[in-house]
């Protein structure tokens, strides 16, 4: 179970939910811009380069907004690199645990930085990248992480992500432009500093060859308890020490607390036996609409949940027995047709949705809470399901 992160409902209490179909995602552009303004402040005070990690949120409609604040995007392979090049402005930094030979030329065409995960891949594809004037980087595994859940730990001893730092002696850094490492997951500044202190002695000899160092993602910068001033001081310090350009790749932090998932209660199974729970079936399916609820797992926050009252297990409409969101307190048993709202559902939801059981994706709306303007971005139909098959 991932540690619980404090989530606020921001301005969503002002939204008229009767205007919305269900299920639907609503992204508050005002919150997104507030998060971006904080990142721009960091850029202005450090001259670091900040990239949007498309793996967390990749709606092409957001591309023009990002370009006013960030330096570009980080992609995880061919399709994300093509999306970044087409709809997002700035630099494209592409990393994958392994690139396919038949895709490498097109990946190079759509990238500015190409980061390799192994000595094999570096040897196999670096000439193609260099001949196209693409910066070459290597991802290293610092073998240090404070992530407690193994499947979310990118820097474990047995991780497939990155070259173990004891193998760096086998790399000719005269032909390498940058180093990339990533060891964070929803963490505060102290974890980044601890990681740097661990890895610094190992990579220090190579600074004289490098143009840039990419500190990866997982920085939860826009949380209220994040030590932004310490981060700024740290970034300035390592930029001076290494004489390298510094990159960070936040994804979740850019969209933290900016989105909700709105659903409707379809049926209520009331229990008069204390051994059997009250159950509400909604049109939100965690397996289809917010898979991290089952994969992480975690319990998403229900907006305006009661501190006590009637406990209700909320489940989805699929045939998967475990398609349950979780147990929540209601002032009274919810009614059929009642709207429910789950908070912080922008990142790692829309990019992960699927059509299991033929269940439709939620519609997607942009909302500006400052102007109270609502815009439908995408409404999914049978044709979208049909095309997937």
Protein backbone atom coordinates (compact mmCIF):
# COMPACT_ATOMS: atom_id res chain seq x y z
CA UNK A 1 0.00 0.00 0.00
CA UNK A 2 1.40 3.40 -0.99
CA UNK A 3 1.58 6.03 1.79
CA UNK A 4 -1.40 8.37 1.87
CA UNK A 5 -0.77 11.83 0.42
CA UNK A 6 -2.86 14.69 1.77
CA UNK A 7 -5.24 15.86 -0.96
CA UNK A 8 -7.37 19.01 -0.98
CA UNK A 9 -10.59 19.51 -2.94
CA UNK A 10 -9.32 22.89 -4.13
CA UNK A 11 -12.15 24.72 -5.95
CA UNK A 12 -14.21 21.72 -6.97
CA UNK A 13 -16.91 22.47 -4.38
CA UNK A 14 -17.85 25.40 -6.68
CA UNK A 15 -18.51 23.18 -9.68
CA UNK A 16 -22.14 22.47 -10.62
CA UNK A 17 -22.10 18.70 -11.01
CA UNK A 18 -25.59 18.69 -12.50
CA UNK A 19 -23.96 20.06 -15.68
CA UNK A 20 -21.85 16.93 -16.07
CA UNK A 21 -22.52 13.50 -17.57
CA UNK A 22 -21.10 10.52 -15.73
CA UNK A 23 -18.60 9.16 -15.56
CA UNK A 24 -16.28 12.05 -16.44
CA UNK A 25 -12.91 13.50 -15.61
CA UNK A 26 -12.74 17.22 -14.93
CA UNK A 27 -9.35 18.96 -15.08
CA UNK A 28 -9.18 22.39 -13.43
CA UNK A 29 -6.84 24.43 -15.63
CA UNK A 30 -6.54 27.06 -12.91
CA UNK A 31 -4.92 24.51 -10.57
CA UNK A 32 -2.69 23.22 -13.37
CA UNK A 33 -1.49 26.76 -14.04
CA UNK A 34 -0.86 27.36 -10.33
CA UNK A 35 1.32 24.23 -10.27
CA UNK A 36 3.11 25.37 -13.41
CA UNK A 37 3.73 28.82 -11.95
CA UNK A 38 5.56 27.23 -9.03
CA UNK A 39 7.71 25.23 -11.44
CA UNK A 40 8.43 28.35 -13.47
CA UNK A 41 9.54 30.10 -10.27
CA UNK A 42 12.02 27.27 -9.70
CA UNK A 43 13.23 27.59 -13.30
CA UNK A 44 13.73 31.33 -12.94
CA UNK A 45 15.70 30.97 -9.71
CA UNK A 46 17.88 28.05 -10.83
CA UNK A 47 18.02 28.02 -14.65
CA UNK A 48 17.30 24.29 -14.59
CA UNK A 49 15.33 22.64 -17.38
CA UNK A 50 11.94 21.19 -16.45
CA UNK A 51 10.25 18.57 -18.62
CA UNK A 52 6.71 17.19 -18.45
CA UNK A 53 6.76 13.41 -18.01
CA UNK A 54 4.13 12.35 -20.54
CA UNK A 55 3.69 8.96 -18.84
CA UNK A 56 1.68 10.71 -16.11
CA UNK A 57 -0.53 12.92 -18.28
CA UNK A 58 -0.43 13.26 -22.04
CA UNK A 59 -3.60 14.98 -23.29
CA UNK A 60 -2.45 16.73 -26.46
CA UNK A 61 -4.82 19.63 -25.74
CA UNK A 62 -2.62 20.63 -22.79
CA UNK A 63 0.46 21.03 -24.99
CA UNK A 64 0.07 24.72 -25.80
CA UNK A 65 -0.33 25.57 -22.09
CA UNK A 66 2.80 23.62 -21.12
CA UNK A 67 4.94 25.53 -23.61
CA UNK A 68 4.47 28.75 -21.66
CA UNK A 69 6.06 27.27 -18.55
CA UNK A 70 8.27 24.26 -19.28
CA UNK A 71 11.23 23.39 -21.49
CA UNK A 72 9.75 20.31 -23.13
CA UNK A 73 8.76 16.74 -22.41
CA UNK A 74 10.17 13.36 -21.46
CA UNK A 75 8.91 10.41 -23.47
CA UNK A 76 8.97 6.67 -22.81
CA UNK A 77 9.22 5.42 -26.37
CA UNK A 78 8.21 5.99 -29.97
CA UNK A 79 4.55 6.95 -29.58
CA UNK A 80 5.13 9.40 -26.73
CA UNK A 81 8.06 10.94 -28.62
CA UNK A 82 5.88 11.42 -31.72
CA UNK A 83 3.08 12.90 -29.61
CA UNK A 84 5.54 15.26 -27.92
CA UNK A 85 7.01 16.41 -31.22
CA UNK A 86 3.59 17.00 -32.76
CA UNK A 87 1.67 18.66 -29.92
CA UNK A 88 4.17 19.85 -27.30
CA UNK A 89 6.86 22.46 -27.71
CA UNK A 90 10.50 22.30 -26.71
CA UNK A 91 12.99 19.52 -26.12
CA UNK A 92 12.01 15.84 -26.26
CA UNK A 93 14.03 13.51 -24.00
CA UNK A 94 13.29 9.85 -24.75
CA UNK A 95 14.17 6.93 -22.51
CA UNK A 96 13.08 3.32 -22.66
CA UNK A 97 14.26 0.16 -20.87
CA UNK A 98 14.91 -1.16 -24.40
CA UNK A 99 14.48 0.40 -27.84
CA UNK A 100 13.38 -1.69 -30.83
CA UNK A 101 15.73 -1.69 -33.81
CA UNK A 102 12.89 -1.13 -36.29
CA UNK A 103 11.76 1.98 -34.35
CA UNK A 104 15.08 3.62 -33.53
CA UNK A 105 15.37 5.84 -36.62
CA UNK A 106 11.90 7.30 -36.05
CA UNK A 107 12.58 7.75 -32.33
CA UNK A 108 15.77 9.63 -33.19
CA UNK A 109 13.83 11.78 -35.66
CA UNK A 110 11.42 12.85 -32.91
CA UNK A 111 13.90 13.26 -30.02
CA UNK A 112 16.62 15.66 -28.85
CA UNK A 113 18.01 13.44 -26.09
CA UNK A 114 18.14 9.65 -26.29
CA UNK A 115 18.82 7.89 -22.98
CA UNK A 116 19.98 4.28 -22.99
CA UNK A 117 19.27 1.75 -20.27
CA UNK A 118 22.14 -0.68 -20.83
CA UNK A 119 25.61 -1.06 -22.27
CA UNK A 120 24.14 -3.31 -24.99
CA UNK A 121 21.67 -0.68 -26.15
CA UNK A 122 24.30 2.06 -25.94
CA UNK A 123 26.65 0.07 -28.18
CA UNK A 124 23.88 -0.90 -30.60
CA UNK A 125 22.21 2.48 -31.19
CA UNK A 126 24.58 5.28 -30.17
CA UNK A 127 26.06 5.65 -33.68
CA UNK A 128 22.58 6.17 -35.15
CA UNK A 129 21.83 8.83 -32.54
CA UNK A 130 25.18 10.61 -32.87
CA UNK A 131 24.99 10.69 -36.67
CA UNK A 132 21.74 12.63 -36.30
CA UNK A 133 23.20 15.11 -33.78
CA UNK A 134 21.14 13.67 -30.92
CA UNK A 135 22.48 13.99 -27.38
CA UNK A 136 23.26 10.58 -25.89
CA UNK A 137 22.62 9.81 -22.24
CA UNK A 138 22.77 6.75 -20.04
CA UNK A 139 20.43 5.90 -17.21
CA UNK A 140 22.20 4.71 -14.11
CA UNK A 141 20.79 2.90 -11.11
CA UNK A 142 21.99 4.62 -7.90
CA UNK A 143 21.07 1.51 -5.86
CA UNK A 144 19.49 3.88 -3.36
CA UNK A 145 15.81 4.46 -2.81
CA UNK A 146 13.38 5.25 -0.02
CA UNK A 147 10.40 3.80 -1.89
CA UNK A 148 8.94 1.08 0.32
CA UNK A 149 6.77 -0.73 -2.25
CA UNK A 150 9.04 -2.90 -4.40
CA UNK A 151 7.09 -2.65 -7.66
CA UNK A 152 7.29 1.16 -7.48
CA UNK A 153 10.96 1.24 -6.54
CA UNK A 154 12.94 2.18 -9.68
CA UNK A 155 16.33 1.96 -7.94
CA UNK A 156 16.33 -1.39 -6.16
CA UNK A 157 19.33 -3.69 -6.38
CA UNK A 158 17.46 -6.01 -8.78
CA UNK A 159 15.81 -3.24 -10.80
CA UNK A 160 15.93 -3.59 -14.60
CA UNK A 161 15.97 0.22 -14.89
CA UNK A 162 19.42 1.65 -15.41
CA UNK A 163 23.06 0.60 -15.40
CA UNK A 164 24.36 -0.28 -11.93
CA UNK A 165 26.80 2.42 -10.96
CA UNK A 166 29.58 -0.14 -10.43
CA UNK A 167 29.48 -0.72 -14.21
CA UNK A 168 30.15 2.91 -15.11
CA UNK A 169 33.84 2.12 -15.51
CA UNK A 170 32.87 0.21 -18.67
CA UNK A 171 31.49 3.33 -20.38
CA UNK A 172 33.59 5.70 -22.46
CA UNK A 173 32.15 8.97 -21.16
CA UNK A 174 33.98 10.94 -23.84
CA UNK A 175 31.09 9.93 -26.10
CA UNK A 176 28.31 10.54 -23.55
CA UNK A 177 26.45 13.84 -23.20
CA UNK A 178 24.43 13.16 -20.06
CA UNK A 179 23.56 10.98 -17.10
CA UNK A 180 20.01 10.21 -16.02
CA UNK A 181 18.83 8.66 -12.78
CA UNK A 182 15.41 8.26 -11.20
CA UNK A 183 14.81 6.98 -7.68
CA UNK A 184 11.76 8.88 -6.40
CA UNK A 185 8.03 8.21 -6.15
CA UNK A 186 5.78 10.93 -4.68
CA UNK A 187 8.59 12.08 -2.41
CA UNK A 188 9.87 15.23 -0.75
CA UNK A 189 13.18 17.01 -1.29
CA UNK A 190 15.12 15.14 1.41
CA UNK A 191 14.97 11.88 -0.60
CA UNK A 192 16.49 13.59 -3.62
CA UNK A 193 19.29 15.01 -1.50
CA UNK A 194 19.97 11.61 0.09
CA UNK A 195 20.11 10.01 -3.35
CA UNK A 196 22.53 12.66 -4.62
CA UNK A 197 24.80 12.27 -1.60
CA UNK A 198 24.92 8.53 -2.26
CA UNK A 199 25.66 8.75 -5.96
CA UNK A 200 27.87 11.84 -6.06
CA UNK A 201 31.23 10.11 -5.34
CA UNK A 202 30.50 7.55 -8.07
CA UNK A 203 29.69 10.06 -10.84
CA UNK A 204 31.99 12.92 -9.88
CA UNK A 205 34.88 11.73 -12.12
CA UNK A 206 32.61 12.02 -15.18
CA UNK A 207 31.38 15.61 -14.74
CA UNK A 208 34.20 16.92 -16.97
CA UNK A 209 32.74 14.99 -19.93
CA UNK A 210 29.04 15.72 -19.39
CA UNK A 211 26.76 18.45 -20.75
CA UNK A 212 23.78 17.60 -18.55
CA UNK A 213 22.47 15.58 -15.63
CA UNK A 214 18.83 14.51 -15.53
CA UNK A 215 17.47 13.93 -12.00
CA UNK A 216 14.36 12.13 -13.26
CA UNK A 217 10.85 12.41 -11.84
CA UNK A 218 8.91 11.56 -8.70
CA UNK A 219 9.48 15.04 -7.24
CA UNK A 220 6.23 15.97 -5.46
CA UNK A 221 7.10 19.65 -5.71
CA UNK A 222 3.57 21.08 -5.66
CA UNK A 223 2.60 19.52 -2.34
CA UNK A 224 2.19 22.08 0.43
CA UNK A 225 4.81 20.35 2.60
CA UNK A 226 7.49 20.17 -0.12
CA UNK A 227 10.71 22.06 0.73
CA UNK A 228 10.83 24.23 -2.39
CA UNK A 229 13.47 26.64 -1.06
CA UNK A 230 15.80 23.77 -0.20
CA UNK A 231 15.27 22.34 -3.68
CA UNK A 232 16.18 25.69 -5.25
CA UNK A 233 19.36 25.96 -3.17
CA UNK A 234 20.29 22.37 -3.99
CA UNK A 235 19.76 22.79 -7.74
CA UNK A 236 21.89 25.91 -7.80
CA UNK A 237 24.59 24.15 -5.80
CA UNK A 238 24.87 21.07 -8.03
CA UNK A 239 24.70 23.18 -11.18
CA UNK A 240 27.72 25.11 -9.87
CA UNK A 241 29.53 22.00 -8.64
CA UNK A 242 29.05 19.87 -11.75
CA UNK A 243 29.13 22.68 -14.33
CA UNK A 244 26.35 20.75 -16.10
CA UNK A 245 22.88 21.70 -17.20
CA UNK A 246 20.34 20.15 -14.81
CA UNK A 247 17.02 18.57 -15.83
CA UNK A 248 14.08 17.35 -13.77
CA UNK A 249 11.02 15.50 -15.08
CA UNK A 250 7.93 16.01 -12.90
CA UNK A 251 4.70 14.49 -14.11
CA UNK A 252 2.31 13.95 -11.24
CA UNK A 253 3.40 17.21 -9.56
CA UNK A 254 2.18 19.26 -12.53
CA UNK A 255 -1.35 17.86 -12.26
CA UNK A 256 -1.49 17.22 -8.51
CA UNK A 257 -4.97 18.03 -7.14
CA UNK A 258 -6.09 19.36 -10.54
CA UNK A 259 -8.54 16.63 -11.51
CA UNK A 260 -11.60 14.78 -10.30
CA UNK A 261 -13.55 11.76 -11.46
CA UNK A 262 -17.32 12.21 -11.24
CA UNK A 263 -19.63 9.23 -11.12
CA UNK A 264 -23.18 8.24 -10.33
CA UNK A 265 -24.70 5.64 -8.00
CA UNK A 266 -26.49 3.08 -10.18
CA UNK A 267 -27.77 0.74 -7.49
CA UNK A 268 -27.70 0.31 -3.72
CA UNK A 269 -27.64 -3.06 -1.98
CA UNK A 270 -28.70 -2.32 1.58
CA UNK A 271 -27.80 -4.80 4.26
CA UNK A 272 -29.65 -5.40 7.51
CA UNK A 273 -26.97 -7.83 8.68
CA UNK A 274 -23.87 -6.37 10.34
CA UNK A 275 -21.80 -9.14 8.80
CA UNK A 276 -22.70 -8.06 5.24
CA UNK A 277 -21.69 -4.57 4.01
CA UNK A 278 -23.91 -2.01 2.40
CA UNK A 279 -22.87 -1.89 -1.25
CA UNK A 280 -23.28 0.86 -3.84
CA UNK A 281 -22.61 0.14 -7.50
CA UNK A 282 -21.39 3.15 -9.46
CA UNK A 283 -20.55 3.83 -13.10
CA UNK A 284 -16.90 4.32 -12.09
CA UNK A 285 -14.82 1.20 -12.57
CA UNK A 286 -11.43 1.27 -10.85
CA UNK A 287 -10.09 -1.44 -13.15
CA UNK A 288 -11.10 0.62 -16.22
CA UNK A 289 -10.94 4.23 -15.04
CA UNK A 290 -8.36 4.46 -12.22
CA UNK A 291 -6.32 1.24 -12.32
CA UNK A 292 -3.85 2.40 -9.65
CA UNK A 293 -6.61 1.81 -7.08
CA UNK A 294 -6.08 -1.91 -7.71
CA UNK A 295 -2.43 -1.86 -8.82
CA UNK A 296 -0.86 0.37 -6.14
CA UNK A 297 -3.14 -0.21 -4.27
CA UNK A 298 -4.53 2.93 -2.69
CA UNK A 299 -7.82 4.40 -1.52
CA UNK A 300 -8.82 7.52 -3.49
CA UNK A 301 -10.29 10.36 -1.48
CA UNK A 302 -14.05 10.84 -1.75
CA UNK A 303 -14.97 14.51 -1.78
CA UNK A 304 -16.90 15.58 1.36
CA UNK A 305 -16.79 12.13 2.92
CA UNK A 306 -18.41 12.05 6.36
CA UNK A 307 -16.23 11.44 9.39
CA UNK A 308 -18.73 8.82 10.53
CA UNK A 309 -22.16 7.57 9.54
CA UNK A 310 -23.16 4.73 7.25
CA UNK A 311 -20.28 2.75 5.80
CA UNK A 312 -20.73 1.78 2.16
CA UNK A 313 -18.54 -0.32 -0.12
CA UNK A 314 -18.45 1.39 -3.53
CA UNK A 315 -17.95 -0.93 -6.46
CA UNK A 316 -17.78 -0.59 -10.22
CA UNK A 317 -19.98 -1.96 -13.02
CA UNK A 318 -17.57 -4.57 -14.42
CA UNK A 319 -17.74 -8.33 -13.86
CA UNK A 320 -14.38 -8.37 -12.07
CA UNK A 321 -15.10 -9.47 -8.51
CA UNK A 322 -12.44 -7.13 -7.14
CA UNK A 323 -13.65 -4.05 -9.06
CA UNK A 324 -14.16 -2.14 -5.81
CA UNK A 325 -13.07 1.41 -5.06
CA UNK A 326 -13.25 1.02 -1.29
CA UNK A 327 -15.41 1.57 1.80
CA UNK A 328 -16.58 5.11 2.56
CA UNK A 329 -18.68 6.87 5.15
CA UNK A 330 -21.94 8.55 4.10
CA UNK A 331 -24.26 10.63 6.29
CA UNK A 332 -26.99 8.28 5.13
CA UNK A 333 -27.24 5.48 2.63
CA UNK A 334 -26.61 7.01 -0.84
CA UNK A 335 -29.53 7.20 -3.24
CA UNK A 336 -29.69 5.84 -6.76
CA UNK A 337 -28.78 8.69 -9.12
CA UNK A 338 -26.61 10.47 -6.53
CA UNK A 339 -23.33 11.94 -7.82
CA UNK A 340 -20.02 10.97 -6.20
CA UNK A 341 -16.66 12.68 -6.74
CA UNK A 342 -13.15 11.29 -6.27
CA UNK A 343 -10.27 13.74 -5.88
CA UNK A 344 -6.83 13.93 -7.51
CA UNK A 345 -7.75 11.86 -10.55
CA UNK A 346 -5.89 13.67 -13.37
CA UNK A 347 -2.52 11.91 -13.37
CA UNK A 348 -2.06 8.20 -14.03
CA UNK A 349 -5.75 7.73 -14.80
CA UNK A 350 -6.58 8.95 -18.32
CA UNK A 351 -3.26 7.51 -19.58
CA UNK A 352 -4.14 4.11 -18.09
CA UNK A 353 -7.82 3.66 -18.90
CA UNK A 354 -9.00 0.55 -20.76
CA UNK A 355 -12.15 -0.89 -22.31
CA UNK A 356 -12.43 -4.08 -20.24
CA UNK A 357 -16.01 -5.43 -20.42
CA UNK A 358 -16.73 -2.80 -23.08
CA UNK A 359 -17.09 -0.20 -20.34
CA UNK A 360 -16.71 3.26 -21.86
CA UNK A 361 -14.02 5.72 -20.89
CA UNK A 362 -15.24 8.72 -18.90
CA UNK A 363 -15.72 11.92 -20.86
CA UNK A 364 -12.99 14.52 -20.34
CA UNK A 365 -13.68 18.16 -19.49
CA UNK A 366 -11.41 21.13 -18.95
CA UNK A 367 -12.75 23.57 -16.36
CA UNK A 368 -11.32 26.92 -15.36
CA UNK A 369 -12.45 27.40 -11.76
CA UNK A 370 -11.45 31.06 -11.86
CA UNK A 371 -13.73 31.81 -14.84
CA UNK A 372 -16.17 28.91 -14.28
CA UNK A 373 -15.75 27.91 -17.91
CA UNK A 374 -16.37 24.26 -18.82
CA UNK A 375 -15.17 22.71 -22.09
CA UNK A 376 -15.79 19.17 -23.32
CA UNK A 377 -12.49 17.78 -24.63
CA UNK A 378 -13.49 14.22 -25.46
CA UNK A 379 -16.64 12.14 -25.36
CA UNK A 380 -16.04 8.44 -25.95
CA UNK A 381 -18.42 6.41 -28.11
CA UNK A 382 -18.91 2.84 -29.32
CA UNK A 383 -16.59 3.65 -32.23
CA UNK A 384 -13.71 4.24 -29.82
CA UNK A 385 -14.29 0.82 -28.26
CA UNK A 386 -14.69 -0.79 -31.68
CA UNK A 387 -11.40 0.73 -32.94
CA UNK A 388 -9.50 -0.78 -30.00
CA UNK A 389 -10.59 -4.23 -31.12
